[in-house]
């Protein structure tokens, strides 16, 4: 009787281990794609602005947003521009000039959105051939970025790689990537489409995990 009980217990343990081996990676579901067009463009440091005041060419000029986020306007001095929409900045300039110019009509256009280039980058760090920070391109996937980085190194733990994505709350959510499956087994289940701002991190092997 005891022998039968032990055999049943052993069989149950084998079923449990088999289930664990076939279970998907935690957090390996498809990460949600953010609505990239939902937010209007906001001015950033390094952007070139074309500010036009109708019938007042002496007040119209092109200017670069300084590292402190401000611009210098004739008759107004320094004006904070960073993180404002162009129409918001135009309204602020219009209101200030209204005390000096009759019915000023102001338009603000971003002619060189330098800051957007950095906000729209994708990055890969850790144990890859060459850590990268490059501009996002439509249709780019995890595999595209990792291959462009030269693949993973011999010291990488590719099954524990992660994709970090900005959330609507302003923080990051992390998703497990199986780079070993993608690169060596043709398993594309975690070969997610990338979006601007994504960061892939590839950790180093660890002895206590039995990876060395």
Protein backbone atom coordinates (compact mmCIF):
# COMPACT_ATOMS: atom_id res chain seq x y z
CA UNK A 1 0.00 0.00 0.00
CA UNK A 2 2.84 2.37 0.91
CA UNK A 3 4.55 1.56 -2.39
CA UNK A 4 1.40 2.46 -4.35
CA UNK A 5 1.06 5.74 -2.42
CA UNK A 6 4.67 6.66 -3.18
CA UNK A 7 4.21 5.87 -6.86
CA UNK A 8 1.09 8.04 -7.03
CA UNK A 9 2.96 10.88 -5.30
CA UNK A 10 5.88 10.57 -7.72
CA UNK A 11 3.49 10.62 -10.69
CA UNK A 12 1.84 13.79 -9.37
CA UNK A 13 5.24 15.50 -8.99
CA UNK A 14 6.19 14.57 -12.56
CA UNK A 15 2.94 16.07 -13.87
CA UNK A 16 3.60 19.24 -11.87
CA UNK A 17 7.14 19.60 -13.19
CA UNK A 18 5.99 18.99 -16.76
CA UNK A 19 3.38 21.71 -16.37
CA UNK A 20 5.96 24.16 -15.03
CA UNK A 21 8.33 23.40 -17.91
CA UNK A 22 5.67 24.18 -20.51
CA UNK A 23 4.25 27.26 -18.76
CA UNK A 24 4.78 30.58 -20.60
CA UNK A 25 7.16 33.22 -19.26
CA UNK A 26 5.66 35.50 -16.67
CA UNK A 27 4.62 38.76 -18.26
CA UNK A 28 5.19 37.33 -21.72
CA UNK A 29 1.85 38.52 -23.07
CA UNK A 30 1.80 40.96 -25.95
CA UNK A 31 2.60 44.40 -24.47
CA UNK A 32 -0.08 46.95 -25.28
CA UNK A 33 0.74 49.40 -28.04
CA UNK A 34 0.27 52.97 -26.93
CA UNK A 35 -1.71 55.41 -29.05
CA UNK A 36 1.28 57.33 -30.41
CA UNK A 37 -0.87 60.00 -32.05
CA UNK A 38 -3.00 60.75 -28.99
CA UNK A 39 -0.68 63.37 -27.53
CA UNK A 40 -0.04 66.60 -29.48
CA UNK A 41 3.54 67.66 -30.04
CA UNK A 42 5.19 69.46 -27.15
CA UNK A 43 8.21 71.70 -27.56
CA UNK A 44 11.50 70.33 -26.24
CA UNK A 45 15.05 71.49 -25.66
CA UNK A 46 16.98 71.94 -28.90
CA UNK A 47 13.90 72.44 -31.07
CA UNK A 48 14.03 75.28 -33.59
CA UNK A 49 10.94 77.49 -33.53
CA UNK A 50 9.69 79.86 -36.19
CA UNK A 51 7.81 82.66 -34.42
CA UNK A 52 5.85 84.98 -36.70
CA UNK A 53 4.11 88.15 -35.55
CA UNK A 54 1.91 89.43 -38.37
CA UNK A 55 2.90 92.88 -39.65
CA UNK A 56 5.75 93.03 -37.13
CA UNK A 57 8.82 91.54 -38.84
CA UNK A 58 11.10 92.95 -36.14
CA UNK A 59 9.38 90.63 -33.66
CA UNK A 60 9.42 87.59 -35.96
CA UNK A 61 12.41 85.27 -35.92
CA UNK A 62 13.72 81.71 -35.74
CA UNK A 63 15.08 80.61 -32.40
CA UNK A 64 16.40 77.46 -30.72
CA UNK A 65 15.04 76.40 -27.34
CA UNK A 66 17.89 76.75 -24.85
CA UNK A 67 19.04 73.98 -22.46
CA UNK A 68 17.07 75.69 -19.68
CA UNK A 69 13.90 75.29 -21.78
CA UNK A 70 13.46 79.00 -22.46
CA UNK A 71 13.67 81.33 -25.48
CA UNK A 72 14.41 85.04 -25.64
CA UNK A 73 11.76 87.26 -27.23
CA UNK A 74 12.10 90.95 -28.19
CA UNK A 75 10.21 93.21 -25.76
CA UNK A 76 9.48 90.20 -23.55
CA UNK A 77 12.81 88.77 -22.46
CA UNK A 78 12.96 85.10 -21.50
CA UNK A 79 9.89 82.96 -22.10
CA UNK A 80 9.56 79.34 -20.98
CA UNK A 81 8.84 77.13 -24.00
CA UNK A 82 9.67 73.55 -22.95
CA UNK A 83 6.78 71.08 -22.74
CA UNK A 84 4.29 73.56 -24.23
CA UNK A 85 2.29 72.97 -27.37
CA UNK A 86 3.10 75.48 -30.15
CA UNK A 87 -0.39 77.00 -29.91
CA UNK A 88 0.02 77.42 -26.15
CA UNK A 89 3.28 79.29 -26.59
CA UNK A 90 1.74 81.43 -29.34
CA UNK A 91 -1.16 82.37 -27.04
CA UNK A 92 1.24 83.29 -24.24
CA UNK A 93 3.33 85.49 -26.55
CA UNK A 94 0.17 87.06 -27.99
CA UNK A 95 -1.08 87.98 -24.53
CA UNK A 96 2.23 89.50 -23.47
CA UNK A 97 2.67 91.50 -26.69
CA UNK A 98 -0.92 92.72 -26.46
CA UNK A 99 0.22 95.28 -23.92
CA UNK A 100 2.68 96.74 -26.43
CA UNK A 101 1.36 95.88 -29.91
CA UNK A 102 -2.17 96.40 -31.15
CA UNK A 103 -4.00 93.11 -31.80
CA UNK A 104 -0.89 90.97 -32.39
CA UNK A 105 -1.38 87.82 -34.42
CA UNK A 106 1.22 85.23 -33.43
CA UNK A 107 1.99 81.82 -34.90
CA UNK A 108 4.59 79.36 -33.63
CA UNK A 109 5.86 76.49 -35.77
CA UNK A 110 8.43 73.84 -34.86
CA UNK A 111 10.72 73.75 -37.88
CA UNK A 112 13.32 71.36 -36.46
CA UNK A 113 11.93 68.95 -33.83
CA UNK A 114 15.31 67.84 -32.47
CA UNK A 115 13.91 66.76 -29.10
CA UNK A 116 11.44 64.42 -30.80
CA UNK A 117 14.34 62.43 -32.24
CA UNK A 118 15.44 61.44 -28.74
CA UNK A 119 11.93 60.78 -27.48
CA UNK A 120 11.32 58.49 -30.46
CA UNK A 121 14.46 56.38 -30.04
CA UNK A 122 14.60 52.69 -29.16
CA UNK A 123 17.47 51.31 -27.12
CA UNK A 124 19.12 48.00 -26.25
CA UNK A 125 21.46 47.64 -23.26
CA UNK A 126 23.38 44.94 -21.43
CA UNK A 127 24.95 41.83 -22.90
CA UNK A 128 24.76 42.57 -26.62
CA UNK A 129 27.47 43.01 -29.20
CA UNK A 130 27.07 46.79 -29.20
CA UNK A 131 24.65 48.77 -27.04
CA UNK A 132 22.47 50.94 -29.25
CA UNK A 133 20.24 53.99 -29.19
CA UNK A 134 18.68 54.52 -32.63
CA UNK A 135 15.65 56.15 -34.19
CA UNK A 136 12.51 54.05 -34.22
CA UNK A 137 11.25 52.89 -37.62
CA UNK A 138 7.77 51.63 -38.36
CA UNK A 139 7.60 47.83 -38.32
CA UNK A 140 10.76 47.41 -36.21
CA UNK A 141 10.70 44.34 -33.95
CA UNK A 142 12.71 43.03 -31.00
CA UNK A 143 14.69 40.80 -33.38
CA UNK A 144 15.53 43.72 -35.68
CA UNK A 145 17.00 45.76 -32.83
CA UNK A 146 18.93 42.87 -31.26
CA UNK A 147 20.44 41.87 -34.61
CA UNK A 148 21.42 45.47 -35.27
CA UNK A 149 23.16 45.42 -31.88
CA UNK A 150 25.22 42.43 -33.01
CA UNK A 151 23.21 39.75 -31.21
CA UNK A 152 23.79 38.62 -27.64
CA UNK A 153 27.19 37.87 -26.11
CA UNK A 154 28.40 34.56 -24.66
CA UNK A 155 27.80 36.03 -21.19
CA UNK A 156 24.16 36.90 -21.84
CA UNK A 157 21.15 35.29 -20.20
CA UNK A 158 18.85 35.62 -23.24
CA UNK A 159 15.85 33.91 -21.61
CA UNK A 160 15.70 36.67 -18.98
CA UNK A 161 15.81 39.63 -21.34
CA UNK A 162 13.13 42.26 -20.83
CA UNK A 163 11.30 44.90 -22.83
CA UNK A 164 10.59 48.10 -20.90
CA UNK A 165 7.77 50.26 -22.27
CA UNK A 166 6.47 53.64 -21.14
CA UNK A 167 2.92 53.48 -19.79
CA UNK A 168 0.13 56.06 -19.84
CA UNK A 169 0.86 56.69 -16.15
CA UNK A 170 4.34 57.93 -17.02
CA UNK A 171 6.21 54.90 -15.67
CA UNK A 172 7.55 51.74 -17.32
CA UNK A 173 6.02 48.29 -17.58
CA UNK A 174 8.37 45.35 -18.18
CA UNK A 175 7.74 42.27 -20.36
CA UNK A 176 9.80 39.10 -20.50
CA UNK A 177 11.57 38.29 -23.75
CA UNK A 178 12.89 34.87 -24.73
CA UNK A 179 15.77 35.92 -26.96
CA UNK A 180 17.10 32.35 -26.95
CA UNK A 181 13.83 31.19 -28.49
CA UNK A 182 13.83 34.04 -31.01
CA UNK A 183 17.48 33.70 -32.08
CA UNK A 184 18.03 29.96 -31.87
CA UNK A 185 14.66 28.17 -31.99
CA UNK A 186 12.52 30.23 -34.33
CA UNK A 187 10.03 30.97 -31.54
CA UNK A 188 8.68 34.44 -32.39
CA UNK A 189 6.04 34.59 -29.63
CA UNK A 190 7.97 37.37 -27.85
CA UNK A 191 9.26 39.08 -31.00
CA UNK A 192 7.11 42.12 -30.27
CA UNK A 193 6.71 45.17 -32.47
CA UNK A 194 8.66 48.05 -30.98
CA UNK A 195 7.39 51.55 -30.43
CA UNK A 196 9.22 54.81 -29.68
CA UNK A 197 10.79 54.90 -26.23
CA UNK A 198 11.13 51.10 -25.85
CA UNK A 199 14.22 49.77 -24.06
CA UNK A 200 15.46 46.16 -24.29
CA UNK A 201 17.77 45.00 -21.49
CA UNK A 202 19.78 41.78 -21.72
CA UNK A 203 21.14 40.65 -18.33
CA UNK A 204 24.35 38.79 -17.59
CA UNK A 205 24.45 35.10 -16.68
CA UNK A 206 24.45 34.39 -12.96
CA UNK A 207 26.11 31.49 -11.15
CA UNK A 208 23.38 31.01 -8.55
CA UNK A 209 20.83 30.53 -11.34
CA UNK A 210 22.91 27.74 -12.83
CA UNK A 211 23.57 29.73 -15.99
CA UNK A 212 27.38 29.53 -15.83
